[in-house]
């Protein structure tokens, strides 16, 4: 299980330029991570980490499986807020 601060640090190092803020900064909701699906960095395969409208087998509910695996290992998951906004939550 990775803490929010540790996960944010890890993702910012792994995916340079990834937008990461707390959900408190977004709408006051506690303990989550706010990111964007619109200008996300690419996975190792060169595909965007988030693709809301895709039906590709490389994605699970619009989140690239590379990132899904990282989040699963850390005890977190991704949830779309809208087509351009993604929240990351612990203990999903």
PDB file of N, CA and C in Angstrom:
ATOM      1  N   UNK A   1       0.840  -1.175   0.000  1.00  0.00           N
ATOM      2  CA  UNK A   1       0.000   0.000   0.000  1.00  0.00           C
ATOM      3  C   UNK A   1       0.890   1.246   0.000  1.00  0.00           C
ATOM      4  N   UNK A   2       0.665   2.119  -0.948  1.00  0.00           N
ATOM      5  CA  UNK A   2       1.468   3.323  -1.076  1.00  0.00           C
ATOM      6  C   UNK A   2       0.655   4.527  -0.588  1.00  0.00           C
ATOM      7  N   UNK A   3       1.290   5.419   0.139  1.00  0.00           N
ATOM      8  CA  UNK A   3       0.603   6.627   0.581  1.00  0.00           C
ATOM      9  C   UNK A   3       0.355   7.546  -0.610  1.00  0.00           C
ATOM     10  N   UNK A   4      -0.538   8.491  -0.420  1.00  0.00           N
ATOM     11  CA  UNK A   4      -0.827   9.433  -1.499  1.00  0.00           C
ATOM     12  C   UNK A   4       0.438  10.197  -1.896  1.00  0.00           C
ATOM     13  N   UNK A   5       1.159  10.707  -0.923  1.00  0.00           N
ATOM     14  CA  UNK A   5       2.378  11.464  -1.238  1.00  0.00           C
ATOM     15  C   UNK A   5       3.390  10.614  -1.993  1.00  0.00           C
ATOM     16  N   UNK A   6       3.552   9.366  -1.561  1.00  0.00           N
ATOM     17  CA  UNK A   6       4.500   8.470  -2.242  1.00  0.00           C
ATOM     18  C   UNK A   6       4.061   8.164  -3.667  1.00  0.00           C
ATOM     19  N   UNK A   7       2.762   7.938  -3.856  1.00  0.00           N
ATOM     20  CA  UNK A   7       2.263   7.644  -5.199  1.00  0.00           C
ATOM     21  C   UNK A   7       2.421   8.865  -6.106  1.00  0.00           C
ATOM     22  N   UNK A   8       2.108  10.037  -5.598  1.00  0.00           N
ATOM     23  CA  UNK A   8       2.262  11.249  -6.399  1.00  0.00           C
ATOM     24  C   UNK A   8       3.726  11.451  -6.790  1.00  0.00           C
ATOM     25  N   UNK A   9       4.621  11.215  -5.873  1.00  0.00           N
ATOM     26  CA  UNK A   9       6.061  11.336  -6.154  1.00  0.00           C
ATOM     27  C   UNK A   9       6.485  10.320  -7.208  1.00  0.00           C
ATOM     28  N   UNK A  10       6.062   9.067  -7.034  1.00  0.00           N
ATOM     29  CA  UNK A  10       6.418   8.005  -7.967  1.00  0.00           C
ATOM     30  C   UNK A  10       5.918   8.331  -9.376  1.00  0.00           C
ATOM     31  N   UNK A  11       4.639   8.700  -9.487  1.00  0.00           N
ATOM     32  CA  UNK A  11       4.073   8.989 -10.804  1.00  0.00           C
ATOM     33  C   UNK A  11       4.727  10.202 -11.449  1.00  0.00           C
ATOM     34  N   UNK A  12       5.047  11.213 -10.655  1.00  0.00           N
ATOM     35  CA  UNK A  12       5.680  12.407 -11.230  1.00  0.00           C
ATOM     36  C   UNK A  12       7.089  12.107 -11.739  1.00  0.00           C
ATOM     37  N   UNK A  13       7.768  11.155 -11.120  1.00  0.00           N
ATOM     38  CA  UNK A  13       9.093  10.761 -11.597  1.00  0.00           C
ATOM     39  C   UNK A  13       9.004   9.841 -12.809  1.00  0.00           C
ATOM     40  N   UNK A  14       8.048   8.925 -12.784  1.00  0.00           N
ATOM     41  CA  UNK A  14       7.908   7.961 -13.881  1.00  0.00           C
ATOM     42  C   UNK A  14       7.346   8.612 -15.145  1.00  0.00           C
ATOM     43  N   UNK A  15       6.386   9.491 -14.970  1.00  0.00           N
ATOM     44  CA  UNK A  15       5.718  10.151 -16.093  1.00  0.00           C
ATOM     45  C   UNK A  15       5.948  11.654 -15.986  1.00  0.00           C
ATOM     46  N   UNK A  16       7.079  12.081 -16.481  1.00  0.00           N
ATOM     47  CA  UNK A  16       7.464  13.497 -16.401  1.00  0.00           C
ATOM     48  C   UNK A  16       6.361  14.380 -16.984  1.00  0.00           C
ATOM     49  N   UNK A  17       6.016  15.414 -16.254  1.00  0.00           N
ATOM     50  CA  UNK A  17       5.013  16.356 -16.729  1.00  0.00           C
ATOM     51  C   UNK A  17       3.579  15.957 -16.424  1.00  0.00           C
ATOM     52  N   UNK A  18       3.370  14.846 -15.744  1.00  0.00           N
ATOM     53  CA  UNK A  18       2.010  14.410 -15.412  1.00  0.00           C
ATOM     54  C   UNK A  18       1.395  15.388 -14.419  1.00  0.00           C
ATOM     55  N   UNK A  19       0.196  15.855 -14.725  1.00  0.00           N
ATOM     56  CA  UNK A  19      -0.524  16.762 -13.837  1.00  0.00           C
ATOM     57  C   UNK A  19      -1.031  15.973 -12.635  1.00  0.00           C
ATOM     58  N   UNK A  20      -0.598  16.341 -11.452  1.00  0.00           N
ATOM     59  CA  UNK A  20      -1.006  15.671 -10.219  1.00  0.00           C
ATOM     60  C   UNK A  20      -1.251  16.717  -9.137  1.00  0.00           C
ATOM     61  N   UNK A  21      -2.464  16.716  -8.609  1.00  0.00           N
ATOM     62  CA  UNK A  21      -2.834  17.583  -7.498  1.00  0.00           C
ATOM     63  C   UNK A  21      -3.698  16.762  -6.546  1.00  0.00           C
ATOM     64  N   UNK A  22      -3.974  17.298  -5.388  1.00  0.00           N
ATOM     65  CA  UNK A  22      -4.858  16.597  -4.451  1.00  0.00           C
ATOM     66  C   UNK A  22      -6.318  16.892  -4.798  1.00  0.00           C
ATOM     67  N   UNK A  23      -7.203  15.982  -4.415  1.00  0.00           N
ATOM     68  CA  UNK A  23      -8.630  16.220  -4.638  1.00  0.00           C
ATOM     69  C   UNK A  23      -9.131  17.375  -3.775  1.00  0.00           C
ATOM     70  N   UNK A  24      -8.449  17.643  -2.682  1.00  0.00           N
ATOM     71  CA  UNK A  24      -8.810  18.806  -1.867  1.00  0.00           C
ATOM     72  C   UNK A  24      -8.684  20.095  -2.687  1.00  0.00           C
ATOM     73  N   UNK A  25      -7.669  20.142  -3.554  1.00  0.00           N
ATOM     74  CA  UNK A  25      -7.479  21.310  -4.418  1.00  0.00           C
ATOM     75  C   UNK A  25      -8.558  21.390  -5.491  1.00  0.00           C
ATOM     76  N   UNK A  26      -9.131  20.250  -5.857  1.00  0.00           N
ATOM     77  CA  UNK A  26     -10.155  20.215  -6.909  1.00  0.00           C
ATOM     78  C   UNK A  26     -11.521  20.633  -6.369  1.00  0.00           C
ATOM     79  N   UNK A  27     -11.996  19.897  -5.359  1.00  0.00           N
ATOM     80  CA  UNK A  27     -13.341  20.186  -4.850  1.00  0.00           C
ATOM     81  C   UNK A  27     -13.494  19.995  -3.345  1.00  0.00           C
ATOM     82  N   UNK A  28     -12.377  19.825  -2.651  1.00  0.00           N
ATOM     83  CA  UNK A  28     -12.425  19.679  -1.206  1.00  0.00           C
ATOM     84  C   UNK A  28     -12.566  18.251  -0.710  1.00  0.00           C
ATOM     85  N   UNK A  29     -12.821  17.305  -1.606  1.00  0.00           N
ATOM     86  CA  UNK A  29     -12.928  15.905  -1.209  1.00  0.00           C
ATOM     87  C   UNK A  29     -11.580  15.425  -0.682  1.00  0.00           C
ATOM     88  N   UNK A  30     -11.600  14.678   0.392  1.00  0.00           N
ATOM     89  CA  UNK A  30     -10.386  14.263   1.090  1.00  0.00           C
ATOM     90  C   UNK A  30      -9.720  13.031   0.479  1.00  0.00           C
ATOM     91  N   UNK A  31      -8.395  12.977   0.551  1.00  0.00           N
ATOM     92  CA  UNK A  31      -7.535  11.808   0.368  1.00  0.00           C
ATOM     93  C   UNK A  31      -7.345  11.269  -1.045  1.00  0.00           C
ATOM     94  N   UNK A  32      -7.756  11.964  -2.068  1.00  0.00           N
ATOM     95  CA  UNK A  32      -7.562  11.476  -3.426  1.00  0.00           C
ATOM     96  C   UNK A  32      -6.517  12.272  -4.189  1.00  0.00           C
ATOM     97  N   UNK A  33      -6.271  11.834  -5.410  1.00  0.00           N
ATOM     98  CA  UNK A  33      -5.353  12.514  -6.318  1.00  0.00           C
ATOM     99  C   UNK A  33      -6.148  12.934  -7.553  1.00  0.00           C
ATOM    100  N   UNK A  34      -5.984  14.168  -7.947  1.00  0.00           N
ATOM    101  CA  UNK A  34      -6.647  14.722  -9.121  1.00  0.00           C
ATOM    102  C   UNK A  34      -5.635  14.785 -10.255  1.00  0.00           C
ATOM    103  N   UNK A  35      -6.021  14.253 -11.411  1.00  0.00           N
ATOM    104  CA  UNK A  35      -5.173  14.340 -12.600  1.00  0.00           C
ATOM    105  C   UNK A  35      -6.054  14.587 -13.810  1.00  0.00           C
ATOM    106  N   UNK A  36      -5.466  14.688 -14.964  1.00  0.00           N
ATOM    107  CA  UNK A  36      -6.229  14.994 -16.166  1.00  0.00           C
ATOM    108  C   UNK A  36      -6.096  13.885 -17.202  1.00  0.00           C
ATOM    109  N   UNK A  37      -7.166  13.654 -17.907  1.00  0.00           N
ATOM    110  CA  UNK A  37      -7.140  12.700 -18.999  1.00  0.00           C
ATOM    111  C   UNK A  37      -6.873  13.361 -20.333  1.00  0.00           C
ATOM    112  N   UNK A  38      -6.817  14.685 -20.351  1.00  0.00           N
ATOM    113  CA  UNK A  38      -6.697  15.409 -21.609  1.00  0.00           C
ATOM    114  C   UNK A  38      -5.266  15.571 -22.100  1.00  0.00           C
ATOM    115  N   UNK A  39      -4.343  15.757 -21.208  1.00  0.00           N
ATOM    116  CA  UNK A  39      -2.950  15.971 -21.638  1.00  0.00           C
ATOM    117  C   UNK A  39      -2.015  15.071 -20.839  1.00  0.00           C
ATOM    118  N   UNK A  40      -2.427  13.827 -20.719  1.00  0.00           N
ATOM    119  CA  UNK A  40      -1.631  12.892 -19.934  1.00  0.00           C
ATOM    120  C   UNK A  40      -0.397  12.458 -20.711  1.00  0.00           C
ATOM    121  N   UNK A  41       0.654  12.100 -19.999  1.00  0.00           N
ATOM    122  CA  UNK A  41       1.846  11.582 -20.673  1.00  0.00           C
ATOM    123  C   UNK A  41       1.565  10.216 -21.286  1.00  0.00           C
ATOM    124  N   UNK A  42       2.499   9.751 -22.072  1.00  0.00           N
ATOM    125  CA  UNK A  42       2.341   8.457 -22.731  1.00  0.00           C
ATOM    126  C   UNK A  42       2.889   7.317 -21.890  1.00  0.00           C
ATOM    127  N   UNK A  43       2.328   6.147 -22.126  1.00  0.00           N
ATOM    128  CA  UNK A  43       2.826   4.914 -21.528  1.00  0.00           C
ATOM    129  C   UNK A  43       4.123   4.522 -22.229  1.00  0.00           C
ATOM    130  N   UNK A  44       4.749   3.458 -21.760  1.00  0.00           N
ATOM    131  CA  UNK A  44       5.983   2.982 -22.398  1.00  0.00           C
ATOM    132  C   UNK A  44       5.752   2.600 -23.854  1.00  0.00           C
ATOM    133  N   UNK A  45       4.525   2.176 -24.186  1.00  0.00           N
ATOM    134  CA  UNK A  45       4.221   1.782 -25.559  1.00  0.00           C
ATOM    135  C   UNK A  45       3.917   2.976 -26.455  1.00  0.00           C
ATOM    136  N   UNK A  46       3.909   4.191 -25.876  1.00  0.00           N
ATOM    137  CA  UNK A  46       3.656   5.382 -26.668  1.00  0.00           C
ATOM    138  C   UNK A  46       2.196   5.796 -26.729  1.00  0.00           C
ATOM    139  N   UNK A  47       1.341   5.056 -26.058  1.00  0.00           N
ATOM    140  CA  UNK A  47      -0.090   5.383 -26.029  1.00  0.00           C
ATOM    141  C   UNK A  47      -0.379   6.247 -24.802  1.00  0.00           C
ATOM    142  N   UNK A  48      -1.360   7.156 -24.896  1.00  0.00           N
ATOM    143  CA  UNK A  48      -1.689   7.999 -23.748  1.00  0.00           C
ATOM    144  C   UNK A  48      -2.119   7.150 -22.544  1.00  0.00           C
ATOM    145  N   UNK A  49      -1.818   7.632 -21.354  1.00  0.00           N
ATOM    146  CA  UNK A  49      -2.234   6.908 -20.144  1.00  0.00           C
ATOM    147  C   UNK A  49      -3.741   6.877 -19.992  1.00  0.00           C
ATOM    148  N   UNK A  50      -4.415   7.914 -20.474  1.00  0.00           N
ATOM    149  CA  UNK A  50      -5.870   7.989 -20.371  1.00  0.00           C
ATOM    150  C   UNK A  50      -6.480   8.216 -21.740  1.00  0.00           C
ATOM    151  N   UNK A  51      -7.565   7.517 -22.014  1.00  0.00           N
ATOM    152  CA  UNK A  51      -8.279   7.682 -23.276  1.00  0.00           C
ATOM    153  C   UNK A  51      -9.745   7.345 -23.023  1.00  0.00           C
ATOM    154  N   UNK A  52     -10.504   8.336 -22.647  1.00  0.00           N
ATOM    155  CA  UNK A  52     -11.896   8.157 -22.195  1.00  0.00           C
ATOM    156  C   UNK A  52     -12.764   7.412 -23.205  1.00  0.00           C
ATOM    157  N   UNK A  53     -12.613   7.713 -24.479  1.00  0.00           N
ATOM    158  CA  UNK A  53     -13.511   7.159 -25.496  1.00  0.00           C
ATOM    159  C   UNK A  53     -12.997   5.896 -26.172  1.00  0.00           C
ATOM    160  N   UNK A  54     -11.869   5.365 -25.759  1.00  0.00           N
ATOM    161  CA  UNK A  54     -11.287   4.211 -26.454  1.00  0.00           C
ATOM    162  C   UNK A  54     -12.000   2.915 -26.107  1.00  0.00           C
ATOM    163  N   UNK A  55     -11.927   1.986 -27.036  1.00  0.00           N
ATOM    164  CA  UNK A  55     -12.394   0.625 -26.764  1.00  0.00           C
ATOM    165  C   UNK A  55     -11.256  -0.373 -27.029  1.00  0.00           C
ATOM    166  N   UNK A  56     -10.029   0.122 -26.988  1.00  0.00           N
ATOM    167  CA  UNK A  56      -8.846  -0.696 -27.230  1.00  0.00           C
ATOM    168  C   UNK A  56      -8.606  -1.668 -26.082  1.00  0.00           C
ATOM    169  N   UNK A  57      -8.068  -2.820 -26.403  1.00  0.00           N
ATOM    170  CA  UNK A  57      -7.745  -3.817 -25.381  1.00  0.00           C
ATOM    171  C   UNK A  57      -6.557  -3.398 -24.520  1.00  0.00           C
ATOM    172  N   UNK A  58      -5.883  -2.313 -24.899  1.00  0.00           N
ATOM    173  CA  UNK A  58      -4.772  -1.791 -24.100  1.00  0.00           C
ATOM    174  C   UNK A  58      -5.258  -0.990 -22.892  1.00  0.00           C
ATOM    175  N   UNK A  59      -6.556  -0.773 -22.827  1.00  0.00           N
ATOM    176  CA  UNK A  59      -7.131   0.056 -21.778  1.00  0.00           C
ATOM    177  C   UNK A  59      -8.174  -0.708 -20.960  1.00  0.00           C
ATOM    178  N   UNK A  60      -8.273  -0.326 -19.707  1.00  0.00           N
ATOM    179  CA  UNK A  60      -9.332  -0.833 -18.829  1.00  0.00           C
ATOM    180  C   UNK A  60     -10.137   0.390 -18.408  1.00  0.00           C
ATOM    181  N   UNK A  61     -11.348   0.488 -18.893  1.00  0.00           N
ATOM    182  CA  UNK A  61     -12.214   1.639 -18.613  1.00  0.00           C
ATOM    183  C   UNK A  61     -11.514   2.964 -18.905  1.00  0.00           C
ATOM    184  N   UNK A  62     -10.787   3.014 -20.026  1.00  0.00           N
ATOM    185  CA  UNK A  62     -10.145   4.244 -20.460  1.00  0.00           C
ATOM    186  C   UNK A  62      -8.811   4.560 -19.817  1.00  0.00           C
ATOM    187  N   UNK A  63      -8.304   3.662 -18.986  1.00  0.00           N
ATOM    188  CA  UNK A  63      -7.007   3.848 -18.330  1.00  0.00           C
ATOM    189  C   UNK A  63      -6.053   2.790 -18.873  1.00  0.00           C
ATOM    190  N   UNK A  64      -4.900   3.230 -19.375  1.00  0.00           N
ATOM    191  CA  UNK A  64      -3.946   2.289 -19.958  1.00  0.00           C
ATOM    192  C   UNK A  64      -3.578   1.221 -18.927  1.00  0.00           C
ATOM    193  N   UNK A  65      -3.510  -0.018 -19.370  1.00  0.00           N
ATOM    194  CA  UNK A  65      -3.256  -1.139 -18.455  1.00  0.00           C
ATOM    195  C   UNK A  65      -1.912  -1.027 -17.739  1.00  0.00           C
ATOM    196  N   UNK A  66      -0.960  -0.330 -18.322  1.00  0.00           N
ATOM    197  CA  UNK A  66       0.319  -0.092 -17.635  1.00  0.00           C
ATOM    198  C   UNK A  66       0.079   0.677 -16.333  1.00  0.00           C
ATOM    199  N   UNK A  67      -0.735   1.724 -16.407  1.00  0.00           N
ATOM    200  CA  UNK A  67      -1.031   2.520 -15.221  1.00  0.00           C
ATOM    201  C   UNK A  67      -1.952   1.763 -14.265  1.00  0.00           C
ATOM    202  N   UNK A  68      -2.900   1.012 -14.798  1.00  0.00           N
ATOM    203  CA  UNK A  68      -3.785   0.198 -13.948  1.00  0.00           C
ATOM    204  C   UNK A  68      -2.954  -0.745 -13.077  1.00  0.00           C
ATOM    205  N   UNK A  69      -1.947  -1.374 -13.660  1.00  0.00           N
ATOM    206  CA  UNK A  69      -1.088  -2.308 -12.910  1.00  0.00           C
ATOM    207  C   UNK A  69      -0.320  -1.578 -11.809  1.00  0.00           C
ATOM    208  N   UNK A  70       0.199  -0.402 -12.116  1.00  0.00           N
ATOM    209  CA  UNK A  70       0.920   0.390 -11.109  1.00  0.00           C
ATOM    210  C   UNK A  70      -0.016   0.744  -9.965  1.00  0.00           C
ATOM    211  N   UNK A  71      -1.198   1.215 -10.308  1.00  0.00           N
ATOM    212  CA  UNK A  71      -2.162   1.604  -9.279  1.00  0.00           C
ATOM    213  C   UNK A  71      -2.601   0.401  -8.449  1.00  0.00           C
ATOM    214  N   UNK A  72      -2.866  -0.724  -9.106  1.00  0.00           N
ATOM    215  CA  UNK A  72      -3.244  -1.947  -8.377  1.00  0.00           C
ATOM    216  C   UNK A  72      -2.167  -2.338  -7.371  1.00  0.00           C
ATOM    217  N   UNK A  73      -0.922  -2.336  -7.823  1.00  0.00           N
ATOM    218  CA  UNK A  73       0.193  -2.706  -6.939  1.00  0.00           C
ATOM    219  C   UNK A  73       0.317  -1.752  -5.749  1.00  0.00           C
ATOM    220  N   UNK A  74      -0.040  -0.493  -5.970  1.00  0.00           N
ATOM    221  CA  UNK A  74       0.076   0.526  -4.918  1.00  0.00           C
ATOM    222  C   UNK A  74      -1.160   0.576  -4.015  1.00  0.00           C
ATOM    223  N   UNK A  75      -2.220  -0.167  -4.389  1.00  0.00           N
ATOM    224  CA  UNK A  75      -3.454  -0.145  -3.606  1.00  0.00           C
ATOM    225  C   UNK A  75      -4.374   1.014  -3.964  1.00  0.00           C
ATOM    226  N   UNK A  76      -4.291   1.473  -5.202  1.00  0.00           N
ATOM    227  CA  UNK A  76      -5.078   2.605  -5.687  1.00  0.00           C
ATOM    228  C   UNK A  76      -5.827   2.224  -6.962  1.00  0.00           C
ATOM    229  N   UNK A  77      -6.777   3.058  -7.375  1.00  0.00           N
ATOM    230  CA  UNK A  77      -7.471   2.862  -8.650  1.00  0.00           C
ATOM    231  C   UNK A  77      -7.834   4.217  -9.239  1.00  0.00           C
ATOM    232  N   UNK A  78      -8.177   4.225 -10.507  1.00  0.00           N
ATOM    233  CA  UNK A  78      -8.556   5.445 -11.217  1.00  0.00           C
ATOM    234  C   UNK A  78     -10.070   5.456 -11.412  1.00  0.00           C
ATOM    235  N   UNK A  79     -10.637   6.660 -11.333  1.00  0.00           N
ATOM    236  CA  UNK A  79     -12.070   6.842 -11.550  1.00  0.00           C
ATOM    237  C   UNK A  79     -12.266   8.132 -12.351  1.00  0.00           C
ATOM    238  N   UNK A  80     -12.998   8.030 -13.440  1.00  0.00           N
ATOM    239  CA  UNK A  80     -13.272   9.214 -14.245  1.00  0.00           C
ATOM    240  C   UNK A  80     -14.270  10.099 -13.512  1.00  0.00           C
ATOM    241  N   UNK A  81     -13.980  11.389 -13.467  1.00  0.00           N
ATOM    242  CA  UNK A  81     -14.903  12.390 -12.938  1.00  0.00           C
ATOM    243  C   UNK A  81     -15.762  12.914 -14.090  1.00  0.00           C
ATOM    244  N   UNK A  82     -15.103  13.186 -15.195  1.00  0.00           N
ATOM    245  CA  UNK A  82     -15.736  13.519 -16.466  1.00  0.00           C
ATOM    246  C   UNK A  82     -14.733  13.144 -17.556  1.00  0.00           C
ATOM    247  N   UNK A  83     -15.027  13.434 -18.796  1.00  0.00           N
ATOM    248  CA  UNK A  83     -14.168  12.970 -19.896  1.00  0.00           C
ATOM    249  C   UNK A  83     -12.756  13.545 -19.870  1.00  0.00           C
ATOM    250  N   UNK A  84     -12.507  14.585 -19.079  1.00  0.00           N
ATOM    251  CA  UNK A  84     -11.177  15.168 -19.029  1.00  0.00           C
ATOM    252  C   UNK A  84     -10.528  15.153 -17.661  1.00  0.00           C
ATOM    253  N   UNK A  85     -11.224  14.586 -16.675  1.00  0.00           N
ATOM    254  CA  UNK A  85     -10.739  14.634 -15.299  1.00  0.00           C
ATOM    255  C   UNK A  85     -10.743  13.233 -14.697  1.00  0.00           C
ATOM    256  N   UNK A  86      -9.628  12.846 -14.104  1.00  0.00           N
ATOM    257  CA  UNK A  86      -9.496  11.525 -13.483  1.00  0.00           C
ATOM    258  C   UNK A  86      -9.093  11.713 -12.033  1.00  0.00           C
ATOM    259  N   UNK A  87      -9.748  10.942 -11.157  1.00  0.00           N
ATOM    260  CA  UNK A  87      -9.396  10.933  -9.743  1.00  0.00           C
ATOM    261  C   UNK A  87      -8.782   9.575  -9.428  1.00  0.00           C
ATOM    262  N   UNK A  88      -7.776   9.574  -8.583  1.00  0.00           N
ATOM    263  CA  UNK A  88      -7.155   8.342  -8.103  1.00  0.00           C
ATOM    264  C   UNK A  88      -7.519   8.180  -6.636  1.00  0.00           C
ATOM    265  N   UNK A  89      -7.952   6.966  -6.285  1.00  0.00           N
ATOM    266  CA  UNK A  89      -8.421   6.690  -4.923  1.00  0.00           C
ATOM    267  C   UNK A  89      -7.747   5.466  -4.363  1.00  0.00           C
ATOM    268  N   UNK A  90      -7.542   5.482  -3.088  1.00  0.00           N
ATOM    269  CA  UNK A  90      -6.936   4.350  -2.366  1.00  0.00           C
ATOM    270  C   UNK A  90      -8.028   3.367  -1.960  1.00  0.00           C
ATOM    271  N   UNK A  91      -7.638   2.089  -1.809  1.00  0.00           N
ATOM    272  CA  UNK A  91      -8.541   1.040  -1.317  1.00  0.00           C
ATOM    273  C   UNK A  91      -9.794   0.863  -2.165  1.00  0.00           C
ATOM    274  N   UNK A  92      -9.637   0.759  -3.463  1.00  0.00           N
ATOM    275  CA  UNK A  92     -10.785   0.570  -4.360  1.00  0.00           C
ATOM    276  C   UNK A  92     -11.166  -0.889  -4.463  1.00  0.00           C
TER     277      UNK A  92
END
